[in-house]
Amino acid sequence: MSSSTEVTISETMTLNDIMLATPRAVEIFNRLGLDSCCGGAKPLALVCEKHGHDLAAVLRELRAV
């Protein structure tokens, strides 16, 4: 089901913002070892770089949920 209020997830969004917009993102973050405790207020691009994750792959996965 789609709505006009959908948010497009971007690399500049923080992990906390992504989880608020897409609650199922927490499943992906947990699997990748990313949590909102230490990195929740940081942009996705920075967190992916720090943890060695491919940003484009993570974005694709988040946008698919």
N, C-alpha and C. Protein backbone atom coordinates (compact mmCIF):
# COMPACT_ATOMS: atom_id res chain seq x y z
N MET A 1 0.84 -1.17 0.00
CA MET A 1 0.00 0.00 0.00
C MET A 1 0.88 1.23 0.00
N SER A 2 0.61 2.15 -0.84
CA SER A 2 1.42 3.34 -1.00
C SER A 2 0.63 4.56 -0.57
N SER A 3 1.35 5.56 -0.06
CA SER A 3 0.66 6.78 0.33
C SER A 3 1.45 7.98 -0.15
N SER A 4 0.80 9.12 -0.19
CA SER A 4 1.45 10.32 -0.67
C SER A 4 2.43 10.88 0.34
N THR A 5 2.45 10.32 1.55
CA THR A 5 3.36 10.81 2.57
C THR A 5 4.62 9.95 2.69
N GLU A 6 4.84 9.05 1.76
CA GLU A 6 6.03 8.21 1.80
C GLU A 6 7.28 9.07 1.75
N VAL A 7 8.29 8.65 2.47
CA VAL A 7 9.55 9.35 2.52
C VAL A 7 10.57 8.55 1.71
N THR A 8 11.31 9.22 0.85
CA THR A 8 12.38 8.56 0.13
C THR A 8 13.62 8.59 1.01
N ILE A 9 14.12 7.44 1.33
CA ILE A 9 15.28 7.34 2.21
C ILE A 9 16.52 7.78 1.45
N SER A 10 17.31 8.65 2.10
CA SER A 10 18.52 9.15 1.47
C SER A 10 19.71 8.96 2.39
N GLU A 11 20.90 9.10 1.82
CA GLU A 11 22.13 8.91 2.58
C GLU A 11 22.36 10.01 3.62
N THR A 12 21.64 11.11 3.51
CA THR A 12 21.81 12.20 4.47
C THR A 12 20.90 12.07 5.69
N MET A 13 19.95 11.16 5.62
CA MET A 13 19.05 10.94 6.75
C MET A 13 19.78 10.22 7.87
N THR A 14 19.43 10.55 9.11
CA THR A 14 20.02 9.83 10.23
C THR A 14 19.33 8.47 10.39
N LEU A 15 19.99 7.57 11.10
CA LEU A 15 19.38 6.27 11.35
C LEU A 15 18.06 6.44 12.09
N ASN A 16 18.01 7.35 13.05
CA ASN A 16 16.77 7.59 13.79
C ASN A 16 15.65 8.05 12.86
N ASP A 17 15.95 8.97 11.94
CA ASP A 17 14.94 9.45 11.00
C ASP A 17 14.45 8.33 10.09
N ILE A 18 15.37 7.48 9.67
CA ILE A 18 14.99 6.36 8.79
C ILE A 18 14.07 5.40 9.54
N MET A 19 14.38 5.11 10.80
CA MET A 19 13.55 4.20 11.57
C MET A 19 12.17 4.79 11.85
N LEU A 20 12.10 6.10 12.02
CA LEU A 20 10.79 6.74 12.21
C LEU A 20 9.96 6.66 10.93
N ALA A 21 10.60 6.86 9.79
CA ALA A 21 9.90 6.84 8.51
C ALA A 21 9.57 5.42 8.07
N THR A 22 10.46 4.47 8.40
CA THR A 22 10.31 3.08 7.96
C THR A 22 10.66 2.16 9.13
N PRO A 23 9.69 1.86 9.98
CA PRO A 23 9.98 1.04 11.16
C PRO A 23 10.67 -0.29 10.86
N ARG A 24 10.41 -0.88 9.71
CA ARG A 24 11.05 -2.17 9.38
C ARG A 24 12.54 -2.02 9.12
N ALA A 25 13.02 -0.79 9.00
CA ALA A 25 14.46 -0.57 8.80
C ALA A 25 15.27 -1.12 9.96
N VAL A 26 14.67 -1.18 11.14
CA VAL A 26 15.39 -1.69 12.31
C VAL A 26 15.87 -3.12 12.07
N GLU A 27 15.11 -3.91 11.32
CA GLU A 27 15.52 -5.28 11.01
C GLU A 27 16.82 -5.29 10.21
N ILE A 28 16.90 -4.39 9.25
CA ILE A 28 18.10 -4.29 8.41
C ILE A 28 19.27 -3.78 9.24
N PHE A 29 19.04 -2.74 10.02
CA PHE A 29 20.10 -2.19 10.86
C PHE A 29 20.63 -3.24 11.84
N ASN A 30 19.73 -4.01 12.44
CA ASN A 30 20.16 -5.06 13.37
C ASN A 30 21.04 -6.09 12.67
N ARG A 31 20.63 -6.51 11.49
CA ARG A 31 21.40 -7.51 10.74
C ARG A 31 22.78 -6.98 10.37
N LEU A 32 22.87 -5.68 10.09
CA LEU A 32 24.14 -5.08 9.68
C LEU A 32 24.99 -4.61 10.87
N GLY A 33 24.45 -4.76 12.06
CA GLY A 33 25.18 -4.32 13.25
C GLY A 33 25.16 -2.82 13.46
N LEU A 34 24.13 -2.15 12.94
CA LEU A 34 23.99 -0.71 13.11
C LEU A 34 22.89 -0.46 14.13
N ASP A 35 23.15 0.43 15.08
CA ASP A 35 22.12 0.69 16.07
C ASP A 35 21.95 2.18 16.31
N SER A 36 20.81 2.53 16.85
CA SER A 36 20.52 3.94 17.09
C SER A 36 21.15 4.44 18.38
N CYS A 37 21.67 3.55 19.18
CA CYS A 37 22.30 3.96 20.44
C CYS A 37 23.50 4.86 20.18
N CYS A 38 24.41 4.41 19.36
CA CYS A 38 25.64 5.18 19.13
C CYS A 38 25.63 5.94 17.81
N GLY A 39 24.91 5.44 16.83
CA GLY A 39 24.94 6.08 15.52
C GLY A 39 23.62 6.64 15.07
N GLY A 40 22.62 6.62 15.92
CA GLY A 40 21.28 7.01 15.52
C GLY A 40 21.15 8.44 15.06
N ALA A 41 21.98 9.32 15.57
CA ALA A 41 21.89 10.73 15.20
C ALA A 41 22.86 11.08 14.07
N LYS A 42 23.50 10.08 13.49
CA LYS A 42 24.46 10.32 12.41
C LYS A 42 23.85 9.92 11.07
N PRO A 43 24.29 10.58 10.00
CA PRO A 43 23.76 10.25 8.67
C PRO A 43 24.12 8.82 8.24
N LEU A 44 23.23 8.23 7.49
CA LEU A 44 23.43 6.87 7.00
C LEU A 44 24.75 6.71 6.28
N ALA A 45 25.13 7.66 5.44
CA ALA A 45 26.37 7.57 4.67
C ALA A 45 27.58 7.44 5.60
N LEU A 46 27.60 8.23 6.65
CA LEU A 46 28.72 8.20 7.60
C LEU A 46 28.77 6.87 8.35
N VAL A 47 27.61 6.40 8.77
CA VAL A 47 27.55 5.14 9.52
C VAL A 47 27.98 3.97 8.63
N CYS A 48 27.52 3.96 7.38
CA CYS A 48 27.91 2.88 6.46
C CYS A 48 29.42 2.90 6.21
N GLU A 49 29.96 4.09 6.02
CA GLU A 49 31.40 4.21 5.80
C GLU A 49 32.18 3.69 7.01
N LYS A 50 31.75 4.10 8.18
CA LYS A 50 32.44 3.70 9.42
C LYS A 50 32.42 2.18 9.62
N HIS A 51 31.31 1.54 9.22
CA HIS A 51 31.16 0.10 9.43
C HIS A 51 31.53 -0.73 8.20
N GLY A 52 31.97 -0.07 7.13
CA GLY A 52 32.42 -0.79 5.95
C GLY A 52 31.30 -1.38 5.10
N HIS A 53 30.12 -0.78 5.15
CA HIS A 53 29.00 -1.26 4.35
C HIS A 53 28.88 -0.47 3.06
N ASP A 54 28.45 -1.12 2.02
CA ASP A 54 28.21 -0.48 0.73
C ASP A 54 26.95 0.36 0.83
N LEU A 55 27.11 1.67 0.78
CA LEU A 55 25.98 2.59 0.95
C LEU A 55 24.88 2.33 -0.07
N ALA A 56 25.24 2.14 -1.33
CA ALA A 56 24.23 1.92 -2.37
C ALA A 56 23.41 0.66 -2.09
N ALA A 57 24.07 -0.39 -1.64
CA ALA A 57 23.37 -1.64 -1.33
C ALA A 57 22.44 -1.47 -0.14
N VAL A 58 22.89 -0.75 0.88
CA VAL A 58 22.06 -0.52 2.06
C VAL A 58 20.85 0.33 1.68
N LEU A 59 21.05 1.36 0.88
CA LEU A 59 19.93 2.20 0.43
C LEU A 59 18.91 1.37 -0.36
N ARG A 60 19.38 0.52 -1.25
CA ARG A 60 18.46 -0.33 -2.03
C ARG A 60 17.62 -1.20 -1.11
N GLU A 61 18.27 -1.78 -0.13
CA GLU A 61 17.56 -2.65 0.81
C GLU A 61 16.55 -1.88 1.64
N LEU A 62 16.95 -0.70 2.13
CA LEU A 62 16.03 0.11 2.94
C LEU A 62 14.84 0.59 2.12
N ARG A 63 15.08 0.96 0.88
CA ARG A 63 14.01 1.47 0.03
C ARG A 63 13.05 0.37 -0.40
N ALA A 64 13.47 -0.88 -0.27
CA ALA A 64 12.63 -2.00 -0.68
C ALA A 64 11.64 -2.43 0.41
N VAL A 65 11.85 -1.97 1.65
CA VAL A 65 10.94 -2.38 2.74
C VAL A 65 9.80 -1.41 2.92
